[in-house]
Amino acid sequence: MRTKRAAAAVLVACLAVMIATIAAGCSQDAEEEESGEIQLSFIAEEYVLTGEGEPFAEESRVLDTSGDDRYMVVLDALREPPEGMMTVLKEDYHIQSVRVSLIGRTAMVDLASEGLSGGSMEEELLIAQIVRTLMLNFSNIASVQFTVDEKMTDTLMGHFGVDRPFTLEPYEDADGTIRYSVEVVENSGST
């Protein structure tokens, strides 16, 4: 009987240490992300008008990301592009929530179906703008999954599949500059 109690006590102590370690790691990540600038990923006006050049341009802004709504604060900032840049996140598009799974590190971005329409270029750029902005700023996010009205969906606007999460893949261009492409996460399960 004492052996079982001792084993149970050791198990409880180990679980407490694991939980404390996870909590400390999460709060450390959050503290790191609260300080410093946020990189907002906008659409380069030249790319939209001519089809040439890089499609995305980042702008640094200081935002208060200390609250529980840090992801929404960052995404809402995408609605105000600087001069020479554009956004696909127009007022008609309503982001209802952003939740991040601790286990799979997947950000679940839920959009309202009302007002969610557009062409293939708009849909592709919307997905990429959100994925790039979240993943360039939050180390606790490894992928981004989209839902509509809190339900899994095949597509946002009828052109691109969003039934699997997206991630950023770094690559080096011809000039040696590190760039990122938005890619579908292969062999992903629900998170």
Protein backbone atom coordinates (compact mmCIF):
# COMPACT_ATOMS: atom_id res chain seq x y z
CA MET A 1 0.00 0.00 0.00
CA ARG A 2 2.82 2.40 0.85
CA THR A 3 4.52 1.58 -2.45
CA LYS A 4 1.39 2.57 -4.39
CA ARG A 5 1.05 5.81 -2.42
CA ALA A 6 4.73 6.61 -2.94
CA ALA A 7 4.44 5.89 -6.66
CA ALA A 8 1.32 8.07 -6.88
CA ALA A 9 3.10 10.89 -5.02
CA VAL A 10 6.07 10.68 -7.40
CA LEU A 11 3.71 10.69 -10.39
CA VAL A 12 1.86 13.76 -9.08
CA ALA A 13 5.18 15.53 -8.41
CA CYS A 14 6.41 14.74 -11.94
CA LEU A 15 3.17 16.04 -13.46
CA ALA A 16 3.43 19.23 -11.39
CA VAL A 17 7.00 19.79 -12.60
CA MET A 18 5.96 19.17 -16.24
CA ILE A 19 3.05 21.61 -15.98
CA ALA A 20 5.24 24.25 -14.34
CA THR A 21 7.89 23.80 -17.04
CA ILE A 22 5.34 24.12 -19.84
CA ALA A 23 3.75 27.17 -18.21
CA ALA A 24 7.14 28.82 -17.72
CA GLY A 25 8.07 28.17 -21.34
CA CYS A 26 4.78 29.59 -22.60
CA SER A 27 5.02 32.72 -20.50
CA GLN A 28 8.62 33.24 -21.57
CA ASP A 29 7.58 33.06 -25.24
CA ALA A 30 4.74 35.48 -24.61
CA GLU A 31 7.05 37.92 -22.82
CA GLU A 32 9.54 37.81 -25.68
CA GLU A 33 6.78 38.48 -28.19
CA GLU A 34 5.26 41.32 -26.15
CA SER A 35 8.45 43.36 -26.38
CA GLY A 36 9.77 44.56 -29.71
CA GLU A 37 8.25 45.34 -33.04
CA ILE A 38 5.67 43.38 -34.96
CA GLN A 39 6.23 42.64 -38.65
CA LEU A 40 3.02 43.18 -40.60
CA SER A 41 2.89 41.54 -44.01
CA PHE A 42 1.25 43.76 -46.63
CA ILE A 43 0.76 43.37 -50.37
CA ALA A 44 3.18 45.35 -52.54
CA GLU A 45 1.18 47.77 -54.69
CA GLU A 46 3.57 47.28 -57.61
CA TYR A 47 2.89 43.54 -57.58
CA VAL A 48 -0.89 44.04 -57.74
CA LEU A 49 -0.67 46.68 -60.48
CA THR A 50 2.00 45.09 -62.70
CA GLY A 51 2.36 41.47 -61.56
CA GLU A 52 6.08 42.09 -61.13
CA GLY A 53 8.33 42.17 -58.10
CA GLU A 54 7.82 40.62 -54.71
CA PRO A 55 4.17 40.20 -53.72
CA PHE A 56 4.75 40.99 -50.03
CA ALA A 57 6.39 43.80 -48.13
CA GLU A 58 6.74 43.92 -44.37
CA GLU A 59 6.31 46.96 -42.18
CA SER A 60 7.40 47.14 -38.54
CA ARG A 61 5.00 48.59 -35.99
CA VAL A 62 4.97 48.69 -32.22
CA LEU A 63 1.72 47.12 -31.01
CA ASP A 64 0.48 46.18 -27.55
CA THR A 65 0.45 42.39 -27.70
CA SER A 66 0.36 41.83 -23.95
CA GLY A 67 -3.31 40.84 -23.75
CA ASP A 68 -5.13 37.62 -24.51
CA ASP A 69 -6.25 39.21 -27.79
CA ARG A 70 -2.66 39.62 -29.08
CA TYR A 71 -3.32 37.71 -32.31
CA MET A 72 -6.45 39.75 -33.09
CA VAL A 73 -4.56 43.00 -32.37
CA VAL A 74 -1.88 42.05 -34.89
CA LEU A 75 -4.34 40.93 -37.57
CA ASP A 76 -6.51 44.03 -37.08
CA ALA A 77 -3.41 46.16 -37.77
CA LEU A 78 -3.34 44.65 -41.27
CA ARG A 79 -6.44 46.71 -42.09
CA GLU A 80 -4.30 49.89 -42.18
CA PRO A 81 -1.62 49.55 -44.87
CA PRO A 82 1.08 52.19 -45.26
CA GLU A 83 1.51 54.16 -48.47
CA GLY A 84 2.73 52.02 -51.37
CA MET A 85 1.30 48.86 -49.83
CA MET A 86 -2.13 47.26 -49.89
CA THR A 87 -4.13 44.86 -47.76
CA VAL A 88 -6.55 42.14 -48.73
CA LEU A 89 -8.08 42.17 -45.25
CA LYS A 90 -10.89 44.57 -46.08
CA GLU A 91 -13.63 45.68 -43.71
CA ASP A 92 -16.10 43.13 -45.16
CA TYR A 93 -13.95 40.30 -43.81
CA HIS A 94 -14.58 39.63 -40.15
CA ILE A 95 -12.06 37.56 -38.20
CA GLN A 96 -14.14 36.12 -35.37
CA SER A 97 -11.34 34.52 -33.37
CA VAL A 98 -7.79 33.22 -33.33
CA ARG A 99 -7.02 30.30 -31.02
CA VAL A 100 -3.65 28.56 -30.74
CA SER A 101 -3.39 24.88 -29.85
CA LEU A 102 -0.58 24.25 -27.36
CA ILE A 103 -0.05 20.68 -28.55
CA GLY A 104 0.06 21.12 -32.33
CA ARG A 105 1.00 24.82 -32.23
CA THR A 106 -1.67 25.47 -34.84
CA ALA A 107 -3.40 28.85 -34.97
CA MET A 108 -7.09 28.39 -35.78
CA VAL A 109 -8.24 31.54 -37.60
CA ASP A 110 -12.03 31.68 -37.80
CA LEU A 111 -13.64 33.98 -40.37
CA ALA A 112 -17.33 34.87 -40.68
CA SER A 113 -18.95 33.64 -43.89
CA GLU A 114 -20.87 36.90 -44.33
CA GLY A 115 -19.02 39.15 -46.77
CA LEU A 116 -16.35 36.54 -47.48
CA SER A 117 -16.09 36.57 -51.27
CA GLY A 118 -13.53 37.42 -53.90
CA GLY A 119 -11.47 36.17 -56.79
CA SER A 120 -8.66 33.64 -56.73
CA MET A 121 -5.90 36.26 -56.37
CA GLU A 122 -7.70 37.89 -53.45
CA GLU A 123 -8.21 34.54 -51.71
CA GLU A 124 -4.58 33.49 -52.20
CA LEU A 125 -3.24 36.82 -50.94
CA LEU A 126 -5.61 36.85 -47.93
CA ILE A 127 -4.43 33.39 -46.85
CA ALA A 128 -0.78 34.32 -47.34
CA GLN A 129 -1.09 37.72 -45.62
CA ILE A 130 -2.59 36.17 -42.48
CA VAL A 131 -0.23 33.16 -42.40
CA ARG A 132 2.87 35.32 -42.95
CA THR A 133 1.90 37.89 -40.33
CA LEU A 134 1.10 35.34 -37.62
CA MET A 135 4.08 33.08 -38.26
CA LEU A 136 6.66 35.87 -38.61
CA ASN A 137 5.68 37.21 -35.18
CA PHE A 138 4.67 34.36 -32.89
CA SER A 139 7.14 31.54 -32.25
CA ASN A 140 4.39 29.47 -30.60
CA ILE A 141 2.66 29.12 -33.99
CA ALA A 142 3.93 26.38 -36.33
CA SER A 143 0.97 26.42 -38.73
CA VAL A 144 -2.28 28.24 -39.47
CA GLN A 145 -5.63 26.54 -40.10
CA PHE A 146 -8.67 28.42 -41.39
CA THR A 147 -12.28 27.82 -40.41
CA VAL A 148 -15.47 29.62 -41.41
CA ASP A 149 -18.20 30.16 -38.81
CA GLU A 150 -16.26 27.83 -36.47
CA LYS A 151 -16.44 24.91 -38.92
CA MET A 152 -13.79 23.25 -41.03
CA THR A 153 -14.26 24.16 -44.69
CA ASP A 154 -12.77 23.20 -48.03
CA THR A 155 -12.25 26.78 -49.20
CA LEU A 156 -12.71 30.40 -48.11
CA MET A 157 -13.92 31.89 -51.41
CA GLY A 158 -14.14 28.89 -53.73
CA HIS A 159 -10.64 28.87 -55.23
CA PHE A 160 -8.03 27.49 -52.78
CA GLY A 161 -8.22 24.52 -50.46
CA VAL A 162 -8.03 25.38 -46.76
CA ASP A 163 -8.89 21.93 -45.42
CA ARG A 164 -5.29 21.55 -44.20
CA PRO A 165 -3.10 24.00 -42.27
CA PHE A 166 -0.52 26.28 -43.87
CA THR A 167 3.05 27.04 -42.83
CA LEU A 168 5.94 29.24 -43.97
CA GLU A 169 8.88 27.65 -45.75
CA PRO A 170 12.09 29.69 -46.01
CA TYR A 171 14.04 29.72 -49.25
CA GLU A 172 16.97 31.68 -50.64
CA ASP A 173 16.39 33.71 -53.80
CA ALA A 174 18.95 34.33 -56.56
CA ASP A 175 20.34 37.35 -54.67
CA GLY A 176 20.88 35.31 -51.51
CA THR A 177 17.96 36.94 -49.69
CA ILE A 178 15.92 34.68 -47.43
CA ARG A 179 12.27 34.75 -48.46
CA TYR A 180 9.23 32.76 -47.34
CA SER A 181 6.59 30.89 -49.25
CA VAL A 182 3.26 29.82 -47.79
CA GLU A 183 2.85 26.06 -48.14
CA VAL A 184 0.21 23.50 -47.20
CA VAL A 185 1.28 21.27 -44.30
CA GLU A 186 1.44 17.76 -45.71
CA ASN A 187 0.12 14.77 -43.74
CA SER A 188 -1.47 16.94 -41.10
CA GLY A 189 -4.15 15.74 -38.73
CA SER A 190 -6.75 17.86 -37.04
CA THR A 191 -5.38 19.95 -34.21
